Amino acid sequence: MKLESPELIADLLSKDRRIDTRKLNETRKIEYKVNFVKKAEGSCYLSMGNTKVVVGIKFGTMTPYPDSPDKGGLMVTINYAPIIWKELSANSDIEISRVLDRSIRESKMLDLKEFCVTEGEKAFQVFIDCYVMNYDGNLLEALNLATVKALMNMNMPKLEENDKIGISDKKIELKSKPVLVMVSGLNDKYLFDLNQSEEGGVDFSISISYLDENTICAMQKTGIKGIPVSKMDEIFKIGAEKQKELRKILDE
């Protein structure tokens, strides 16, 4: 895919225009399918424009960590073909997996105590495996939505004979449903759902994970320029409005 220059992107945005003709606050079309991977315990395929991801979730067993002997574990990984991310900097996958992990973990959506089998001895580990099928910007929003959709359609694990992992009839009870919103800024203008070309043409982007319009559980800022403190309240408010739109995907 040919990437447009940051200068062209900035010029268009200064005129309230975007390279794909969207409005500044307009999100690309979102489509999804749950239980997409039949061999996973839970899964979701989701596309946001030309960004396409698959999240598959499975369970393993573990010895609980010494500082949380009554809890199970959580691990997030990103998988991709190198050609998909050839324009991105090294270790971008590690950074994205950490931000996604923080959104899920800090939301407390999973009560990891429910995944403990025997305190201090055995627990279930929840593996969230993310696969990037095509990359055209705004990966974190897509992955967060796909992860939550997959978890919403899963049952709790159980131990069977010979410590084999089975699946019970009990649904996983989610304590919350975090919605991650990416707010990006350029010259006092804010926009959402950047495509790959636009990601190189803004001053900053900040991911904000909302539990509802008044509660934030995680944030991460990227970009070459700082964000004035005086602008943060405005950013939180416009992000809170956008999360209402994205949350409708979870309520479908």
C-alpha atoms as a PDB file:
ATOM      1  CA  MET A   1       0.000   0.000   0.000  1.00  0.00           C
ATOM      2  CA  LYS A   2       1.342   3.424  -0.960  1.00  0.00           C
ATOM      3  CA  LEU A   3       1.658   5.707   2.057  1.00  0.00           C
ATOM      4  CA  GLU A   4       0.947   9.392   1.589  1.00  0.00           C
ATOM      5  CA  SER A   5       3.431  11.928   2.888  1.00  0.00           C
ATOM      6  CA  PRO A   6       3.021  13.459   6.370  1.00  0.00           C
ATOM      7  CA  GLU A   7       3.040  16.891   4.719  1.00  0.00           C
ATOM      8  CA  LEU A   8       0.037  16.021   2.542  1.00  0.00           C
ATOM      9  CA  ILE A   9      -1.809  14.556   5.531  1.00  0.00           C
ATOM     10  CA  ALA A  10      -1.150  17.685   7.612  1.00  0.00           C
ATOM     11  CA  ASP A  11      -2.283  19.963   4.776  1.00  0.00           C
ATOM     12  CA  LEU A  12      -5.539  18.067   4.345  1.00  0.00           C
ATOM     13  CA  LEU A  13      -6.255  18.025   8.059  1.00  0.00           C
ATOM     14  CA  SER A  14      -5.671  21.768   8.271  1.00  0.00           C
ATOM     15  CA  LYS A  15      -8.626  22.033   5.864  1.00  0.00           C
ATOM     16  CA  ASP A  16     -10.728  19.513   7.863  1.00  0.00           C
ATOM     17  CA  ARG A  17     -10.219  16.923   5.143  1.00  0.00           C
ATOM     18  CA  ARG A  18      -8.845  13.375   5.210  1.00  0.00           C
ATOM     19  CA  ILE A  19      -7.128  11.273   2.572  1.00  0.00           C
ATOM     20  CA  ASP A  20     -10.053   8.799   2.501  1.00  0.00           C
ATOM     21  CA  THR A  21     -12.718  11.577   2.554  1.00  0.00           C
ATOM     22  CA  ARG A  22     -13.949  10.784   6.089  1.00  0.00           C
ATOM     23  CA  LYS A  23     -14.864  13.433   8.640  1.00  0.00           C
ATOM     24  CA  LEU A  24     -12.296  14.061  11.380  1.00  0.00           C
ATOM     25  CA  ASN A  25     -14.373  12.187  13.970  1.00  0.00           C
ATOM     26  CA  GLU A  26     -15.575   9.406  11.661  1.00  0.00           C
ATOM     27  CA  THR A  27     -14.678   5.770  12.297  1.00  0.00           C
ATOM     28  CA  ARG A  28     -14.285   3.351   9.401  1.00  0.00           C
ATOM     29  CA  LYS A  29     -16.807   0.556   8.955  1.00  0.00           C
ATOM     30  CA  ILE A  30     -16.467  -2.168  11.607  1.00  0.00           C
ATOM     31  CA  GLU A  31     -17.415  -5.777  10.911  1.00  0.00           C
ATOM     32  CA  TYR A  32     -16.856  -8.818  13.108  1.00  0.00           C
ATOM     33  CA  LYS A  33     -17.573 -12.507  13.539  1.00  0.00           C
ATOM     34  CA  VAL A  34     -17.318 -14.291  16.896  1.00  0.00           C
ATOM     35  CA  ASN A  35     -16.242 -17.929  17.251  1.00  0.00           C
ATOM     36  CA  PHE A  36     -14.263 -17.439  14.047  1.00  0.00           C
ATOM     37  CA  VAL A  37     -11.554 -19.976  15.011  1.00  0.00           C
ATOM     38  CA  LYS A  38     -13.249 -23.276  15.784  1.00  0.00           C
ATOM     39  CA  LYS A  39     -10.296 -24.777  17.690  1.00  0.00           C
ATOM     40  CA  ALA A  40      -9.958 -21.781  20.060  1.00  0.00           C
ATOM     41  CA  GLU A  41     -11.972 -21.616  23.278  1.00  0.00           C
ATOM     42  CA  GLY A  42     -13.108 -18.165  22.187  1.00  0.00           C
ATOM     43  CA  SER A  43     -12.304 -16.025  19.168  1.00  0.00           C
ATOM     44  CA  CYS A  44     -13.305 -13.009  17.125  1.00  0.00           C
ATOM     45  CA  TYR A  45     -12.428 -11.765  13.653  1.00  0.00           C
ATOM     46  CA  LEU A  46     -12.786  -7.996  13.346  1.00  0.00           C
ATOM     47  CA  SER A  47     -12.126  -5.523  10.569  1.00  0.00           C
ATOM     48  CA  MET A  48     -11.917  -1.762  10.958  1.00  0.00           C
ATOM     49  CA  GLY A  49     -11.586  -0.500   7.420  1.00  0.00           C
ATOM     50  CA  ASN A  50      -8.593  -2.350   5.993  1.00  0.00           C
ATOM     51  CA  THR A  51      -7.176  -3.219   9.419  1.00  0.00           C
ATOM     52  CA  LYS A  52      -8.094  -6.854   9.984  1.00  0.00           C
ATOM     53  CA  VAL A  53      -7.371  -8.866  13.129  1.00  0.00           C
ATOM     54  CA  VAL A  54      -8.210 -12.208  14.680  1.00  0.00           C
ATOM     55  CA  VAL A  55      -8.105 -12.788  18.450  1.00  0.00           C
ATOM     56  CA  GLY A  56      -8.060 -16.358  19.734  1.00  0.00           C
ATOM     57  CA  ILE A  57      -8.230 -17.266  23.420  1.00  0.00           C
ATOM     58  CA  LYS A  58      -7.163 -20.507  25.046  1.00  0.00           C
ATOM     59  CA  PHE A  59      -6.411 -21.812  28.540  1.00  0.00           C
ATOM     60  CA  GLY A  60      -3.379 -23.429  30.115  1.00  0.00           C
ATOM     61  CA  THR A  61      -2.410 -24.398  33.645  1.00  0.00           C
ATOM     62  CA  MET A  62       0.197 -22.692  35.800  1.00  0.00           C
ATOM     63  CA  THR A  63       1.571 -22.437  39.299  1.00  0.00           C
ATOM     64  CA  PRO A  64       0.213 -19.160  40.759  1.00  0.00           C
ATOM     65  CA  TYR A  65       2.748 -16.377  41.196  1.00  0.00           C
ATOM     66  CA  PRO A  66       4.120 -16.014  44.762  1.00  0.00           C
ATOM     67  CA  ASP A  67       2.644 -12.517  45.161  1.00  0.00           C
ATOM     68  CA  SER A  68      -0.825 -13.658  43.992  1.00  0.00           C
ATOM     69  CA  PRO A  69      -1.199 -17.281  45.114  1.00  0.00           C
ATOM     70  CA  ASP A  70      -4.991 -17.191  44.772  1.00  0.00           C
ATOM     71  CA  LYS A  71      -5.124 -15.893  41.186  1.00  0.00           C
ATOM     72  CA  GLY A  72      -4.797 -17.248  37.681  1.00  0.00           C
ATOM     73  CA  GLY A  73      -2.700 -15.608  34.983  1.00  0.00           C
ATOM     74  CA  LEU A  74      -3.185 -13.491  31.868  1.00  0.00           C
ATOM     75  CA  MET A  75      -0.881 -13.228  28.854  1.00  0.00           C
ATOM     76  CA  VAL A  76      -1.303 -11.181  25.654  1.00  0.00           C
ATOM     77  CA  THR A  77       0.767 -11.823  22.509  1.00  0.00           C
ATOM     78  CA  ILE A  78       0.799 -10.240  19.046  1.00  0.00           C
ATOM     79  CA  ASN A  79       1.496 -12.387  15.960  1.00  0.00           C
ATOM     80  CA  TYR A  80       1.996 -11.086  12.424  1.00  0.00           C
ATOM     81  CA  ALA A  81       3.791 -11.627   9.133  1.00  0.00           C
ATOM     82  CA  PRO A  82       6.807  -9.262   8.949  1.00  0.00           C
ATOM     83  CA  ILE A  83       5.682  -7.897   5.566  1.00  0.00           C
ATOM     84  CA  ILE A  84       2.529  -6.522   7.210  1.00  0.00           C
ATOM     85  CA  TRP A  85       4.494  -4.298   9.590  1.00  0.00           C
ATOM     86  CA  LYS A  86       7.498  -3.528   7.435  1.00  0.00           C
ATOM     87  CA  GLU A  87       7.000   0.241   7.854  1.00  0.00           C
ATOM     88  CA  LEU A  88       6.738   0.106  11.659  1.00  0.00           C
ATOM     89  CA  SER A  89       9.579   0.562  14.108  1.00  0.00           C
ATOM     90  CA  ALA A  90      11.220  -2.366  15.864  1.00  0.00           C
ATOM     91  CA  ASN A  91       9.394  -3.759  18.909  1.00  0.00           C
ATOM     92  CA  SER A  92       6.075  -2.125  17.953  1.00  0.00           C
ATOM     93  CA  ASP A  93       4.411  -5.486  18.555  1.00  0.00           C
ATOM     94  CA  ILE A  94       5.761  -5.606  22.114  1.00  0.00           C
ATOM     95  CA  GLU A  95       4.523  -2.084  22.850  1.00  0.00           C
ATOM     96  CA  ILE A  96       1.060  -2.781  21.425  1.00  0.00           C
ATOM     97  CA  SER A  97       0.722  -6.044  23.376  1.00  0.00           C
ATOM     98  CA  ARG A  98       1.646  -4.203  26.591  1.00  0.00           C
ATOM     99  CA  VAL A  99      -0.949  -1.473  26.028  1.00  0.00           C
ATOM    100  CA  LEU A 100      -3.642  -4.042  25.210  1.00  0.00           C
ATOM    101  CA  ASP A 101      -2.656  -6.102  28.266  1.00  0.00           C
ATOM    102  CA  ARG A 102      -2.950  -2.987  30.431  1.00  0.00           C
ATOM    103  CA  SER A 103      -6.403  -2.154  29.053  1.00  0.00           C
ATOM    104  CA  ILE A 104      -7.690  -5.659  29.829  1.00  0.00           C
ATOM    105  CA  ARG A 105      -5.860  -6.113  33.139  1.00  0.00           C
ATOM    106  CA  GLU A 106      -6.539  -2.681  34.669  1.00  0.00           C
ATOM    107  CA  SER A 107     -10.214  -2.838  33.731  1.00  0.00           C
ATOM    108  CA  LYS A 108     -10.531  -5.823  36.140  1.00  0.00           C
ATOM    109  CA  MET A 109     -12.892  -7.334  33.574  1.00  0.00           C
ATOM    110  CA  LEU A 110     -11.582 -10.779  34.503  1.00  0.00           C
ATOM    111  CA  ASP A 111     -11.587 -11.751  38.155  1.00  0.00           C
ATOM    112  CA  LEU A 112      -8.403 -13.820  38.096  1.00  0.00           C
ATOM    113  CA  LYS A 113      -9.309 -15.329  41.468  1.00  0.00           C
ATOM    114  CA  GLU A 114     -12.013 -17.292  39.655  1.00  0.00           C
ATOM    115  CA  PHE A 115      -9.266 -18.988  37.625  1.00  0.00           C
ATOM    116  CA  CYS A 116      -7.454 -20.376  40.687  1.00  0.00           C
ATOM    117  CA  VAL A 117      -7.879 -24.137  41.174  1.00  0.00           C
ATOM    118  CA  THR A 118      -5.794 -24.704  44.306  1.00  0.00           C
ATOM    119  CA  GLU A 119      -4.292 -21.706  46.087  1.00  0.00           C
ATOM    120  CA  GLY A 120      -0.532 -21.609  45.694  1.00  0.00           C
ATOM    121  CA  GLU A 121      -0.508 -24.776  43.625  1.00  0.00           C
ATOM    122  CA  LYS A 122      -2.551 -24.680  40.443  1.00  0.00           C
ATOM    123  CA  ALA A 123      -4.454 -22.119  38.407  1.00  0.00           C
ATOM    124  CA  PHE A 124      -5.603 -21.471  34.868  1.00  0.00           C
ATOM    125  CA  GLN A 125      -3.678 -19.132  32.574  1.00  0.00           C
ATOM    126  CA  VAL A 126      -5.698 -17.120  30.042  1.00  0.00           C
ATOM    127  CA  PHE A 127      -3.796 -16.719  26.766  1.00  0.00           C
ATOM    128  CA  ILE A 128      -4.984 -13.930  24.462  1.00  0.00           C
ATOM    129  CA  ASP A 129      -3.348 -14.522  21.081  1.00  0.00           C
ATOM    130  CA  CYS A 130      -3.755 -11.671  18.607  1.00  0.00           C
ATOM    131  CA  TYR A 131      -3.127 -12.115  14.889  1.00  0.00           C
ATOM    132  CA  VAL A 132      -2.737  -9.156  12.527  1.00  0.00           C
ATOM    133  CA  MET A 133      -4.089 -10.204   9.128  1.00  0.00           C
ATOM    134  CA  ASN A 134      -3.790  -6.779   7.503  1.00  0.00           C
ATOM    135  CA  TYR A 135      -2.530  -3.472   8.881  1.00  0.00           C
ATOM    136  CA  ASP A 136      -3.920  -0.054   7.977  1.00  0.00           C
ATOM    137  CA  GLY A 137      -3.742   1.879  11.228  1.00  0.00           C
ATOM    138  CA  ASN A 138      -5.539   1.970  14.576  1.00  0.00           C
ATOM    139  CA  LEU A 139      -4.584  -1.540  15.583  1.00  0.00           C
ATOM    140  CA  LEU A 140      -5.217  -1.081  19.309  1.00  0.00           C
ATOM    141  CA  GLU A 141      -8.891  -0.153  18.958  1.00  0.00           C
ATOM    142  CA  ALA A 142      -9.489  -3.144  16.698  1.00  0.00           C
ATOM    143  CA  LEU A 143      -7.652  -5.590  18.975  1.00  0.00           C
ATOM    144  CA  ASN A 144      -9.356  -4.338  22.135  1.00  0.00           C
ATOM    145  CA  LEU A 145     -12.823  -4.684  20.591  1.00  0.00           C
ATOM    146  CA  ALA A 146     -12.028  -8.151  19.221  1.00  0.00           C
ATOM    147  CA  THR A 147     -10.617  -9.318  22.569  1.00  0.00           C
ATOM    148  CA  VAL A 148     -13.659  -8.196  24.549  1.00  0.00           C
ATOM    149  CA  LYS A 149     -16.062  -9.698  21.969  1.00  0.00           C
ATOM    150  CA  ALA A 150     -14.210 -13.025  22.181  1.00  0.00           C
ATOM    151  CA  LEU A 151     -14.280 -13.055  25.997  1.00  0.00           C
ATOM    152  CA  MET A 152     -17.997 -12.250  26.002  1.00  0.00           C
ATOM    153  CA  ASN A 153     -18.677 -15.491  24.153  1.00  0.00           C
ATOM    154  CA  MET A 154     -16.656 -17.892  26.320  1.00  0.00           C
ATOM    155  CA  ASN A 155     -17.233 -20.366  29.137  1.00  0.00           C
ATOM    156  CA  MET A 156     -15.051 -21.005  32.169  1.00  0.00           C
ATOM    157  CA  PRO A 157     -12.400 -23.751  32.030  1.00  0.00           C
ATOM    158  CA  LYS A 158     -12.442 -26.796  34.291  1.00  0.00           C
ATOM    159  CA  LEU A 159      -9.965 -29.550  35.173  1.00  0.00           C
ATOM    160  CA  GLU A 160     -10.833 -33.050  34.055  1.00  0.00           C
ATOM    161  CA  GLU A 161      -9.081 -36.369  34.613  1.00  0.00           C
ATOM    162  CA  ASN A 162      -5.297 -36.383  34.213  1.00  0.00           C
ATOM    163  CA  ASP A 163      -5.325 -32.598  34.540  1.00  0.00           C
ATOM    164  CA  LYS A 164      -6.782 -32.202  31.083  1.00  0.00           C
ATOM    165  CA  ILE A 165      -8.433 -28.818  30.529  1.00  0.00           C
ATOM    166  CA  GLY A 166     -12.106 -28.918  29.661  1.00  0.00           C
ATOM    167  CA  ILE A 167     -14.779 -26.273  29.266  1.00  0.00           C
ATOM    168  CA  SER A 168     -17.629 -25.947  31.750  1.00  0.00           C
ATOM    169  CA  ASP A 169     -21.212 -24.834  31.175  1.00  0.00           C
ATOM    170  CA  LYS A 170     -20.604 -21.623  33.146  1.00  0.00           C
ATOM    171  CA  LYS A 171     -20.085 -18.412  31.215  1.00  0.00           C
ATOM    172  CA  ILE A 172     -17.098 -16.233  32.059  1.00  0.00           C
ATOM    173  CA  GLU A 173     -18.475 -13.366  34.135  1.00  0.00           C
ATOM    174  CA  LEU A 174     -17.000 -10.112  32.904  1.00  0.00           C
ATOM    175  CA  LYS A 175     -16.806  -7.444  35.611  1.00  0.00           C
ATOM    176  CA  SER A 176     -16.484  -4.665  33.027  1.00  0.00           C
ATOM    177  CA  LYS A 177     -16.055  -4.123  29.287  1.00  0.00           C
ATOM    178  CA  PRO A 178     -13.212  -1.724  28.515  1.00  0.00           C
ATOM    179  CA  VAL A 179     -13.435   0.301  25.307  1.00  0.00           C
ATOM    180  CA  LEU A 180     -10.126   1.665  24.057  1.00  0.00           C
ATOM    181  CA  VAL A 181     -10.294   4.928  22.108  1.00  0.00           C
ATOM    182  CA  MET A 182      -7.421   6.453  20.141  1.00  0.00           C
ATOM    183  CA  VAL A 183      -7.537  10.257  20.095  1.00  0.00           C
ATOM    184  CA  SER A 184      -5.001  11.895  17.769  1.00  0.00           C
ATOM    185  CA  GLY A 185      -4.079  15.556  17.472  1.00  0.00           C
ATOM    186  CA  LEU A 186      -2.557  17.904  14.902  1.00  0.00           C
ATOM    187  CA  ASN A 187      -2.461  21.667  15.274  1.00  0.00           C
ATOM    188  CA  ASP A 188      -5.369  21.836  17.738  1.00  0.00           C
ATOM    189  CA  LYS A 189      -7.529  19.488  15.660  1.00  0.00           C
ATOM    190  CA  TYR A 190      -8.571  16.066  16.935  1.00  0.00           C
ATOM    191  CA  LEU A 191      -9.363  13.031  14.851  1.00  0.00           C
ATOM    192  CA  PHE A 192     -10.169   9.355  15.296  1.00  0.00           C
ATOM    193  CA  ASP A 193      -9.376   6.012  13.705  1.00  0.00           C
ATOM    194  CA  LEU A 194      -6.202   6.939  11.836  1.00  0.00           C
ATOM    195  CA  ASN A 195      -5.286   4.917   8.797  1.00  0.00           C
ATOM    196  CA  GLN A 196      -1.646   3.985   8.267  1.00  0.00           C
ATOM    197  CA  SER A 197      -0.776   7.097   6.268  1.00  0.00           C
ATOM    198  CA  GLU A 198      -2.327   9.390   8.850  1.00  0.00           C
ATOM    199  CA  GLU A 199      -0.403   7.806  11.727  1.00  0.00           C
ATOM    200  CA  GLY A 200       2.781   9.385  10.411  1.00  0.00           C
ATOM    201  CA  GLY A 201       1.271  12.847  10.034  1.00  0.00           C
ATOM    202  CA  VAL A 202      -0.079  13.757  13.496  1.00  0.00           C
ATOM    203  CA  ASP A 203       1.567  15.382  16.499  1.00  0.00           C
ATOM    204  CA  PHE A 204       0.436  12.740  18.980  1.00  0.00           C
ATOM    205  CA  SER A 205      -1.983   9.911  19.665  1.00  0.00           C
ATOM    206  CA  ILE A 206      -3.251   8.836  23.053  1.00  0.00           C
ATOM    207  CA  SER A 207      -5.036   5.568  23.793  1.00  0.00           C
ATOM    208  CA  ILE A 208      -7.646   5.872  26.547  1.00  0.00           C
ATOM    209  CA  SER A 209      -9.461   2.837  27.943  1.00  0.00           C
ATOM    210  CA  TYR A 210     -12.910   3.703  29.275  1.00  0.00           C
ATOM    211  CA  LEU A 211     -15.079   1.600  31.572  1.00  0.00           C
ATOM    212  CA  ASP A 212     -17.855   4.118  30.985  1.00  0.00           C
ATOM    213  CA  GLU A 213     -18.006   7.764  29.994  1.00  0.00           C
ATOM    214  CA  ASN A 214     -16.760   8.861  33.421  1.00  0.00           C
ATOM    215  CA  THR A 215     -14.196   6.176  34.272  1.00  0.00           C
ATOM    216  CA  ILE A 216     -10.760   5.618  32.704  1.00  0.00           C
ATOM    217  CA  CYS A 217      -8.671   2.578  33.585  1.00  0.00           C
ATOM    218  CA  ALA A 218      -5.580   2.955  31.357  1.00  0.00           C
ATOM    219  CA  MET A 219      -3.799   5.417  29.044  1.00  0.00           C
ATOM    220  CA  GLN A 220      -0.755   5.461  26.760  1.00  0.00           C
ATOM    221  CA  LYS A 221       0.596   8.387  24.735  1.00  0.00           C
ATOM    222  CA  THR A 222       2.674   8.172  21.550  1.00  0.00           C
ATOM    223  CA  GLY A 223       4.015  10.780  19.137  1.00  0.00           C
ATOM    224  CA  ILE A 224       6.747  13.370  18.868  1.00  0.00           C
ATOM    225  CA  LYS A 225       4.971  16.237  20.634  1.00  0.00           C
ATOM    226  CA  GLY A 226       3.619  16.626  24.130  1.00  0.00           C
ATOM    227  CA  ILE A 227       0.036  17.327  25.103  1.00  0.00           C
ATOM    228  CA  PRO A 228      -0.636  20.522  27.078  1.00  0.00           C
ATOM    229  CA  VAL A 229      -2.264  19.783  30.424  1.00  0.00           C
ATOM    230  CA  SER A 230      -4.903  22.381  29.585  1.00  0.00           C
ATOM    231  CA  LYS A 231      -6.067  20.181  26.686  1.00  0.00           C
ATOM    232  CA  MET A 232      -6.512  16.938  28.612  1.00  0.00           C
ATOM    233  CA  ASP A 233     -10.046  17.572  29.877  1.00  0.00           C
ATOM    234  CA  GLU A 234     -11.186  18.296  26.320  1.00  0.00           C
ATOM    235  CA  ILE A 235      -9.496  15.107  25.054  1.00  0.00           C
ATOM    236  CA  PHE A 236     -11.106  13.012  27.794  1.00  0.00           C
ATOM    237  CA  LYS A 237     -14.539  14.419  26.928  1.00  0.00           C
ATOM    238  CA  ILE A 238     -14.347  13.795  23.183  1.00  0.00           C
ATOM    239  CA  GLY A 239     -12.913  10.338  23.861  1.00  0.00           C
ATOM    240  CA  ALA A 240     -15.820   9.619  26.226  1.00  0.00           C
ATOM    241  CA  GLU A 241     -18.284  10.460  23.456  1.00  0.00           C
ATOM    242  CA  LYS A 242     -16.477   8.240  20.950  1.00  0.00           C
ATOM    243  CA  GLN A 243     -16.441   5.280  23.351  1.00  0.00           C
ATOM    244  CA  LYS A 244     -20.251   5.357  23.386  1.00  0.00           C
ATOM    245  CA  GLU A 245     -20.204   4.735  19.641  1.00  0.00           C
ATOM    246  CA  LEU A 246     -17.677   1.882  19.885  1.00  0.00           C
ATOM    247  CA  ARG A 247     -19.440   0.341  22.885  1.00  0.00           C
ATOM    248  CA  LYS A 248     -22.460  -0.330  20.656  1.00  0.00           C
ATOM    249  CA  ILE A 249     -20.323  -3.001  18.954  1.00  0.00           C
ATOM    250  CA  LEU A 250     -20.039  -4.794  22.298  1.00  0.00           C
ATOM    251  CA  ASP A 251     -23.768  -4.527  22.955  1.00  0.00           C
ATOM    252  CA  GLU A 252     -24.758  -6.143  19.648  1.00  0.00           C
END
